[in-house]
Amino acid sequence: MSLFKSYKLYLKKSDKVISVSKARNVLDVLLEEGVVIDYACQNVFCGRCKVTVLEGMENIEAEGALERGVKAKCEYGPMDRITCKLRLKGDVTIDL
């Protein structure tokens, strides 16, 4: 599978569809597209760029130990992901 393959990221609340390359994290793409999202560190430590995955959780790369730790500290649920580390491997719908 090519790193340059793009997938569709559906933003449920804003009714928008964004193309995201497997090689890019979701936060960077959202910011480039002008989507308003809370963020700070851009390196998973703060957990502020969280979104809830509504569909397509199987199309997201597995979270690493650092993301799992931040999610536990912030008491995020299993469908929540931190966009600065989020990479797609298929189409996904999130709660933005």
C-alpha atoms as a PDB file:
ATOM      1  CA  MET A   1       0.000   0.000   0.000  1.00  0.00           C
ATOM      2  CA  SER A   2       1.359   3.386  -0.997  1.00  0.00           C
ATOM      3  CA  LEU A   3       1.971   6.134   1.570  1.00  0.00           C
ATOM      4  CA  PHE A   4       0.438   8.540  -0.928  1.00  0.00           C
ATOM      5  CA  LYS A   5      -2.926   6.793  -1.138  1.00  0.00           C
ATOM      6  CA  SER A   6      -5.663   9.121   0.050  1.00  0.00           C
ATOM      7  CA  TYR A   7      -8.725   8.309   2.092  1.00  0.00           C
ATOM      8  CA  LYS A   8     -11.893  10.233   2.828  1.00  0.00           C
ATOM      9  CA  LEU A   9     -12.315  11.859   6.210  1.00  0.00           C
ATOM     10  CA  TYR A  10     -15.972  12.743   6.757  1.00  0.00           C
ATOM     11  CA  LEU A  11     -16.672  15.563   9.216  1.00  0.00           C
ATOM     12  CA  LYS A  12     -20.184  14.793  10.478  1.00  0.00           C
ATOM     13  CA  LYS A  13     -21.113  18.110  12.157  1.00  0.00           C
ATOM     14  CA  SER A  14     -19.790  20.355   9.383  1.00  0.00           C
ATOM     15  CA  ASP A  15     -20.921  18.042   6.550  1.00  0.00           C
ATOM     16  CA  LYS A  16     -17.487  18.235   4.923  1.00  0.00           C
ATOM     17  CA  VAL A  17     -15.290  15.615   3.248  1.00  0.00           C
ATOM     18  CA  ILE A  18     -11.497  15.944   3.265  1.00  0.00           C
ATOM     19  CA  SER A  19      -8.940  13.817   1.456  1.00  0.00           C
ATOM     20  CA  VAL A  20      -6.178  12.575   3.786  1.00  0.00           C
ATOM     21  CA  SER A  21      -3.007  10.796   2.649  1.00  0.00           C
ATOM     22  CA  LYS A  22      -1.844   7.800   4.665  1.00  0.00           C
ATOM     23  CA  ALA A  23       1.460   9.651   5.150  1.00  0.00           C
ATOM     24  CA  ARG A  24      -0.148  12.627   6.949  1.00  0.00           C
ATOM     25  CA  ASN A  25      -1.641  13.015  10.405  1.00  0.00           C
ATOM     26  CA  VAL A  26      -5.241  14.167  10.587  1.00  0.00           C
ATOM     27  CA  LEU A  27      -4.552  17.308  12.662  1.00  0.00           C
ATOM     28  CA  ASP A  28      -2.212  18.804  10.049  1.00  0.00           C
ATOM     29  CA  VAL A  29      -4.735  18.196   7.283  1.00  0.00           C
ATOM     30  CA  LEU A  30      -7.624  19.642   9.318  1.00  0.00           C
ATOM     31  CA  LEU A  31      -5.645  22.804  10.038  1.00  0.00           C
ATOM     32  CA  GLU A  32      -4.648  23.184   6.363  1.00  0.00           C
ATOM     33  CA  GLU A  33      -8.317  22.863   5.416  1.00  0.00           C
ATOM     34  CA  GLY A  34      -9.284  25.626   7.866  1.00  0.00           C
ATOM     35  CA  VAL A  35     -11.187  23.325  10.210  1.00  0.00           C
ATOM     36  CA  VAL A  36     -11.412  24.725  13.734  1.00  0.00           C
ATOM     37  CA  ILE A  37     -10.079  22.249  16.281  1.00  0.00           C
ATOM     38  CA  ASP A  38      -8.546  22.758  19.711  1.00  0.00           C
ATOM     39  CA  TYR A  39      -4.862  21.801  19.840  1.00  0.00           C
ATOM     40  CA  ALA A  40      -1.651  22.833  21.566  1.00  0.00           C
ATOM     41  CA  CYS A  41       1.448  20.647  21.593  1.00  0.00           C
ATOM     42  CA  GLN A  42       0.928  18.792  18.282  1.00  0.00           C
ATOM     43  CA  ASN A  43       2.773  15.835  19.779  1.00  0.00           C
ATOM     44  CA  VAL A  44       0.081  13.880  21.704  1.00  0.00           C
ATOM     45  CA  PHE A  45       1.181  15.081  25.173  1.00  0.00           C
ATOM     46  CA  CYS A  46      -1.749  17.438  25.826  1.00  0.00           C
ATOM     47  CA  GLY A  47      -4.572  15.409  24.251  1.00  0.00           C
ATOM     48  CA  ARG A  48      -6.477  18.581  23.306  1.00  0.00           C
ATOM     49  CA  CYS A  49      -6.952  17.647  19.640  1.00  0.00           C
ATOM     50  CA  LYS A  50      -9.264  14.741  20.484  1.00  0.00           C
ATOM     51  CA  VAL A  51     -12.081  13.688  18.184  1.00  0.00           C
ATOM     52  CA  THR A  52     -14.613  10.908  18.470  1.00  0.00           C
ATOM     53  CA  VAL A  53     -14.633   8.367  15.662  1.00  0.00           C
ATOM     54  CA  LEU A  54     -18.206   7.728  14.573  1.00  0.00           C
ATOM     55  CA  GLU A  55     -17.507   5.245  11.765  1.00  0.00           C
ATOM     56  CA  GLY A  56     -14.453   3.487  10.417  1.00  0.00           C
ATOM     57  CA  MET A  57     -12.451   2.748  13.565  1.00  0.00           C
ATOM     58  CA  GLU A  58     -11.081  -0.297  11.699  1.00  0.00           C
ATOM     59  CA  ASN A  59      -9.623   2.156   9.142  1.00  0.00           C
ATOM     60  CA  ILE A  60      -7.337   3.901  11.636  1.00  0.00           C
ATOM     61  CA  GLU A  61      -3.812   2.876  12.520  1.00  0.00           C
ATOM     62  CA  ALA A  62      -3.475   1.466  16.043  1.00  0.00           C
ATOM     63  CA  GLU A  63      -2.742   3.901  18.826  1.00  0.00           C
ATOM     64  CA  GLY A  64       0.665   3.754  20.458  1.00  0.00           C
ATOM     65  CA  ALA A  65       1.499   3.514  24.135  1.00  0.00           C
ATOM     66  CA  LEU A  66       1.894   7.284  24.515  1.00  0.00           C
ATOM     67  CA  GLU A  67      -1.545   7.983  23.038  1.00  0.00           C
ATOM     68  CA  ARG A  68      -3.106   5.269  25.226  1.00  0.00           C
ATOM     69  CA  GLY A  69      -1.509   6.876  28.301  1.00  0.00           C
ATOM     70  CA  VAL A  70      -2.762  10.365  27.443  1.00  0.00           C
ATOM     71  CA  LYS A  71      -6.241   9.011  26.707  1.00  0.00           C
ATOM     72  CA  ALA A  72      -6.304   7.270  30.097  1.00  0.00           C
ATOM     73  CA  LYS A  73      -5.092  10.416  31.894  1.00  0.00           C
ATOM     74  CA  CYS A  74      -7.764  12.512  30.146  1.00  0.00           C
ATOM     75  CA  GLU A  75     -10.420   9.808  30.666  1.00  0.00           C
ATOM     76  CA  TYR A  76     -11.195   9.573  26.936  1.00  0.00           C
ATOM     77  CA  GLY A  77     -13.322   6.727  25.660  1.00  0.00           C
ATOM     78  CA  PRO A  78     -12.414   3.894  23.285  1.00  0.00           C
ATOM     79  CA  MET A  79     -13.834   5.731  20.251  1.00  0.00           C
ATOM     80  CA  ASP A  80     -11.812   8.892  20.991  1.00  0.00           C
ATOM     81  CA  ARG A  81      -8.538   9.484  19.168  1.00  0.00           C
ATOM     82  CA  ILE A  82      -5.908  12.233  19.283  1.00  0.00           C
ATOM     83  CA  THR A  83      -5.647  13.752  15.807  1.00  0.00           C
ATOM     84  CA  CYS A  84      -1.970  14.768  15.915  1.00  0.00           C
ATOM     85  CA  LYS A  85      -1.098  11.055  15.912  1.00  0.00           C
ATOM     86  CA  LEU A  86      -4.090   9.841  13.920  1.00  0.00           C
ATOM     87  CA  ARG A  87      -3.327   8.272  10.537  1.00  0.00           C
ATOM     88  CA  LEU A  88      -5.892   6.722   8.241  1.00  0.00           C
ATOM     89  CA  LYS A  89      -5.802   3.456   6.335  1.00  0.00           C
ATOM     90  CA  GLY A  90      -9.356   3.785   5.010  1.00  0.00           C
ATOM     91  CA  ASP A  91     -12.377   6.091   5.078  1.00  0.00           C
ATOM     92  CA  VAL A  92     -13.400   7.460   8.504  1.00  0.00           C
ATOM     93  CA  THR A  93     -16.174   9.654   9.952  1.00  0.00           C
ATOM     94  CA  ILE A  94     -15.448  11.893  12.953  1.00  0.00           C
ATOM     95  CA  ASP A  95     -17.554  14.211  15.120  1.00  0.00           C
ATOM     96  CA  LEU A  96     -16.311  17.586  13.796  1.00  0.00           C
END
